[in-house]
Amino acid sequence: MPTDAQQACFEAGIKFGSLYHQFAGTPVSPRSTRSLETAIAESIENQPYCESVAVDIDDEAVAADIDHENGYTELSGHLMEIDMRVAYDGITVRTRMEMEDGYPLMKLVEVVDRDE
């Protein structure tokens, strides 16, 4: 059986997979970044054990990615940073997605046992 810490980390991974693959490809423009940040965070926060999600879409990077007259680009990992906190049976897991070596890397930042 997995430990509570392992289960909390698994839950965080599920949330990141859901978040990234649900929203990658969404049309985004500098005008819509704030509302998309809110929509992403609020949708993932609905999932079990998710305490908080903070999404930061880089307006300048979005504007730089627009290469046609329609005025938008597709959301991808290089345009955003995400912080997430998941709690499971006394364990709190903090995670982050950020660019590393040209790849949007999702990583475990901290695992805290509130009972220790």
C-alpha atoms as a PDB file:
ATOM      1  CA  MET A   1       0.000   0.000   0.000  1.00  0.00           C
ATOM      2  CA  PRO A   2       1.281   3.497  -0.749  1.00  0.00           C
ATOM      3  CA  THR A   3       2.075   5.818   2.127  1.00  0.00           C
ATOM      4  CA  ASP A   4       0.037   8.993   2.620  1.00  0.00           C
ATOM      5  CA  ALA A   5       2.980  11.005   1.265  1.00  0.00           C
ATOM      6  CA  GLN A   6       3.159   8.833  -1.839  1.00  0.00           C
ATOM      7  CA  GLN A   7      -0.592   9.140  -2.354  1.00  0.00           C
ATOM      8  CA  ALA A   8      -0.390  12.936  -1.971  1.00  0.00           C
ATOM      9  CA  CYS A   9       2.366  13.077  -4.601  1.00  0.00           C
ATOM     10  CA  PHE A  10       0.301  10.871  -6.908  1.00  0.00           C
ATOM     11  CA  GLU A  11      -2.691  13.192  -6.479  1.00  0.00           C
ATOM     12  CA  ALA A  12      -0.516  16.184  -7.398  1.00  0.00           C
ATOM     13  CA  GLY A  13       0.667  14.378 -10.532  1.00  0.00           C
ATOM     14  CA  ILE A  14      -2.898  13.617 -11.562  1.00  0.00           C
ATOM     15  CA  LYS A  15      -3.837  17.287 -11.182  1.00  0.00           C
ATOM     16  CA  PHE A  16      -0.851  18.452 -13.246  1.00  0.00           C
ATOM     17  CA  GLY A  17      -1.598  15.943 -16.007  1.00  0.00           C
ATOM     18  CA  SER A  18      -5.210  17.024 -16.086  1.00  0.00           C
ATOM     19  CA  LEU A  19      -4.312  20.711 -16.065  1.00  0.00           C
ATOM     20  CA  TYR A  20      -1.698  20.574 -18.774  1.00  0.00           C
ATOM     21  CA  HIS A  21      -3.500  18.294 -21.189  1.00  0.00           C
ATOM     22  CA  GLN A  22      -6.871  19.950 -20.686  1.00  0.00           C
ATOM     23  CA  PHE A  23      -5.632  23.476 -21.392  1.00  0.00           C
ATOM     24  CA  ALA A  24      -2.664  23.073 -23.764  1.00  0.00           C
ATOM     25  CA  GLY A  25      -3.774  24.356 -27.144  1.00  0.00           C
ATOM     26  CA  THR A  26      -6.352  26.783 -25.748  1.00  0.00           C
ATOM     27  CA  PRO A  27      -6.402  30.020 -27.766  1.00  0.00           C
ATOM     28  CA  VAL A  28      -4.863  32.838 -25.704  1.00  0.00           C
ATOM     29  CA  SER A  29      -4.068  36.486 -26.318  1.00  0.00           C
ATOM     30  CA  PRO A  30      -2.661  39.189 -24.056  1.00  0.00           C
ATOM     31  CA  ARG A  31      -6.258  40.331 -23.550  1.00  0.00           C
ATOM     32  CA  SER A  32      -7.419  36.937 -22.259  1.00  0.00           C
ATOM     33  CA  THR A  33      -4.526  35.814 -20.038  1.00  0.00           C
ATOM     34  CA  ARG A  34      -6.056  36.843 -16.694  1.00  0.00           C
ATOM     35  CA  SER A  35      -9.394  35.162 -17.349  1.00  0.00           C
ATOM     36  CA  LEU A  36      -7.654  32.005 -18.587  1.00  0.00           C
ATOM     37  CA  GLU A  37      -5.445  31.932 -15.465  1.00  0.00           C
ATOM     38  CA  THR A  38      -8.580  32.088 -13.320  1.00  0.00           C
ATOM     39  CA  ALA A  39     -10.406  29.434 -15.348  1.00  0.00           C
ATOM     40  CA  ILE A  40      -7.470  27.016 -15.140  1.00  0.00           C
ATOM     41  CA  ALA A  41      -6.980  27.508 -11.400  1.00  0.00           C
ATOM     42  CA  GLU A  42     -10.657  27.247 -10.513  1.00  0.00           C
ATOM     43  CA  SER A  43     -11.229  24.139 -12.626  1.00  0.00           C
ATOM     44  CA  ILE A  44      -8.306  22.229 -11.100  1.00  0.00           C
ATOM     45  CA  GLU A  45      -9.183  23.392  -7.569  1.00  0.00           C
ATOM     46  CA  ASN A  46     -12.477  21.497  -7.995  1.00  0.00           C
ATOM     47  CA  GLN A  47     -10.589  18.205  -7.905  1.00  0.00           C
ATOM     48  CA  PRO A  48     -10.304  16.203  -4.671  1.00  0.00           C
ATOM     49  CA  TYR A  49      -7.445  17.119  -2.310  1.00  0.00           C
ATOM     50  CA  CYS A  50      -6.462  20.232  -4.277  1.00  0.00           C
ATOM     51  CA  GLU A  51      -6.021  23.174  -1.891  1.00  0.00           C
ATOM     52  CA  SER A  52      -4.789  25.836  -4.292  1.00  0.00           C
ATOM     53  CA  VAL A  53      -3.557  26.486  -7.809  1.00  0.00           C
ATOM     54  CA  ALA A  54      -1.785  29.657  -8.949  1.00  0.00           C
ATOM     55  CA  VAL A  55      -1.362  30.131 -12.702  1.00  0.00           C
ATOM     56  CA  ASP A  56       0.829  32.869 -14.164  1.00  0.00           C
ATOM     57  CA  ILE A  57       0.617  33.302 -17.939  1.00  0.00           C
ATOM     58  CA  ASP A  58       3.395  35.535 -19.290  1.00  0.00           C
ATOM     59  CA  ASP A  59       1.725  38.324 -21.298  1.00  0.00           C
ATOM     60  CA  GLU A  60       4.947  39.258 -23.101  1.00  0.00           C
ATOM     61  CA  ALA A  61       5.623  35.667 -24.121  1.00  0.00           C
ATOM     62  CA  VAL A  62       2.033  35.322 -25.363  1.00  0.00           C
ATOM     63  CA  ALA A  63       2.371  38.487 -27.448  1.00  0.00           C
ATOM     64  CA  ALA A  64       5.711  37.286 -28.855  1.00  0.00           C
ATOM     65  CA  ASP A  65       4.162  33.946 -29.900  1.00  0.00           C
ATOM     66  CA  ILE A  66       1.391  35.530 -31.967  1.00  0.00           C
ATOM     67  CA  ASP A  67       2.457  35.090 -35.578  1.00  0.00           C
ATOM     68  CA  HIS A  68      -0.739  35.669 -37.567  1.00  0.00           C
ATOM     69  CA  GLU A  69      -3.447  38.293 -38.021  1.00  0.00           C
ATOM     70  CA  ASN A  70      -5.983  36.542 -35.766  1.00  0.00           C
ATOM     71  CA  GLY A  71      -4.319  37.983 -32.633  1.00  0.00           C
ATOM     72  CA  TYR A  72      -3.920  34.849 -30.527  1.00  0.00           C
ATOM     73  CA  THR A  73      -1.618  31.898 -29.989  1.00  0.00           C
ATOM     74  CA  GLU A  74      -2.061  28.471 -28.432  1.00  0.00           C
ATOM     75  CA  LEU A  75      -1.357  28.024 -24.743  1.00  0.00           C
ATOM     76  CA  SER A  76       1.672  25.854 -24.035  1.00  0.00           C
ATOM     77  CA  GLY A  77       4.031  25.217 -21.163  1.00  0.00           C
ATOM     78  CA  HIS A  78       6.586  27.851 -22.130  1.00  0.00           C
ATOM     79  CA  LEU A  79       3.925  30.546 -21.655  1.00  0.00           C
ATOM     80  CA  MET A  80       3.058  29.817 -18.029  1.00  0.00           C
ATOM     81  CA  GLU A  81       4.241  28.938 -14.560  1.00  0.00           C
ATOM     82  CA  ILE A  82       2.034  27.053 -12.125  1.00  0.00           C
ATOM     83  CA  ASP A  83       2.178  26.476  -8.384  1.00  0.00           C
ATOM     84  CA  MET A  84      -0.111  23.910  -6.801  1.00  0.00           C
ATOM     85  CA  ARG A  85      -0.774  22.684  -3.272  1.00  0.00           C
ATOM     86  CA  VAL A  86      -2.401  19.308  -2.593  1.00  0.00           C
ATOM     87  CA  ALA A  87      -3.314  17.943   0.840  1.00  0.00           C
ATOM     88  CA  TYR A  88      -4.005  14.287   1.580  1.00  0.00           C
ATOM     89  CA  ASP A  89      -4.521  12.842   5.075  1.00  0.00           C
ATOM     90  CA  GLY A  90      -2.208  15.242   6.901  1.00  0.00           C
ATOM     91  CA  ILE A  91       0.363  15.495   4.107  1.00  0.00           C
ATOM     92  CA  THR A  92       0.733  18.721   2.126  1.00  0.00           C
ATOM     93  CA  VAL A  93       2.513  18.613  -1.217  1.00  0.00           C
ATOM     94  CA  ARG A  94       3.729  21.735  -3.004  1.00  0.00           C
ATOM     95  CA  THR A  95       4.468  21.449  -6.722  1.00  0.00           C
ATOM     96  CA  ARG A  96       5.547  23.781  -9.498  1.00  0.00           C
ATOM     97  CA  MET A  97       5.655  23.785 -13.274  1.00  0.00           C
ATOM     98  CA  GLU A  98       8.282  25.972 -14.900  1.00  0.00           C
ATOM     99  CA  MET A  99      10.551  25.876 -17.901  1.00  0.00           C
ATOM    100  CA  GLU A 100      13.781  23.961 -17.501  1.00  0.00           C
ATOM    101  CA  ASP A 101      16.113  23.383 -20.449  1.00  0.00           C
ATOM    102  CA  GLY A 102      13.331  24.313 -22.879  1.00  0.00           C
ATOM    103  CA  TYR A 103      10.796  21.909 -21.376  1.00  0.00           C
ATOM    104  CA  PRO A 104       7.823  22.642 -19.070  1.00  0.00           C
ATOM    105  CA  LEU A 105       8.953  20.565 -16.097  1.00  0.00           C
ATOM    106  CA  MET A 106       6.465  19.660 -13.375  1.00  0.00           C
ATOM    107  CA  LYS A 107       8.265  19.080 -10.115  1.00  0.00           C
ATOM    108  CA  LEU A 108       7.787  18.328  -6.479  1.00  0.00           C
ATOM    109  CA  VAL A 109       8.872  21.302  -4.350  1.00  0.00           C
ATOM    110  CA  GLU A 110       8.036  20.141  -0.846  1.00  0.00           C
ATOM    111  CA  VAL A 111       6.281  17.363   1.052  1.00  0.00           C
ATOM    112  CA  VAL A 112       5.185  18.291   4.588  1.00  0.00           C
ATOM    113  CA  ASP A 113       3.692  15.950   7.167  1.00  0.00           C
ATOM    114  CA  ARG A 114       1.562  18.236   9.369  1.00  0.00           C
ATOM    115  CA  ASP A 115       1.710  15.648  12.146  1.00  0.00           C
ATOM    116  CA  GLU A 116       5.513  15.829  12.501  1.00  0.00           C
END
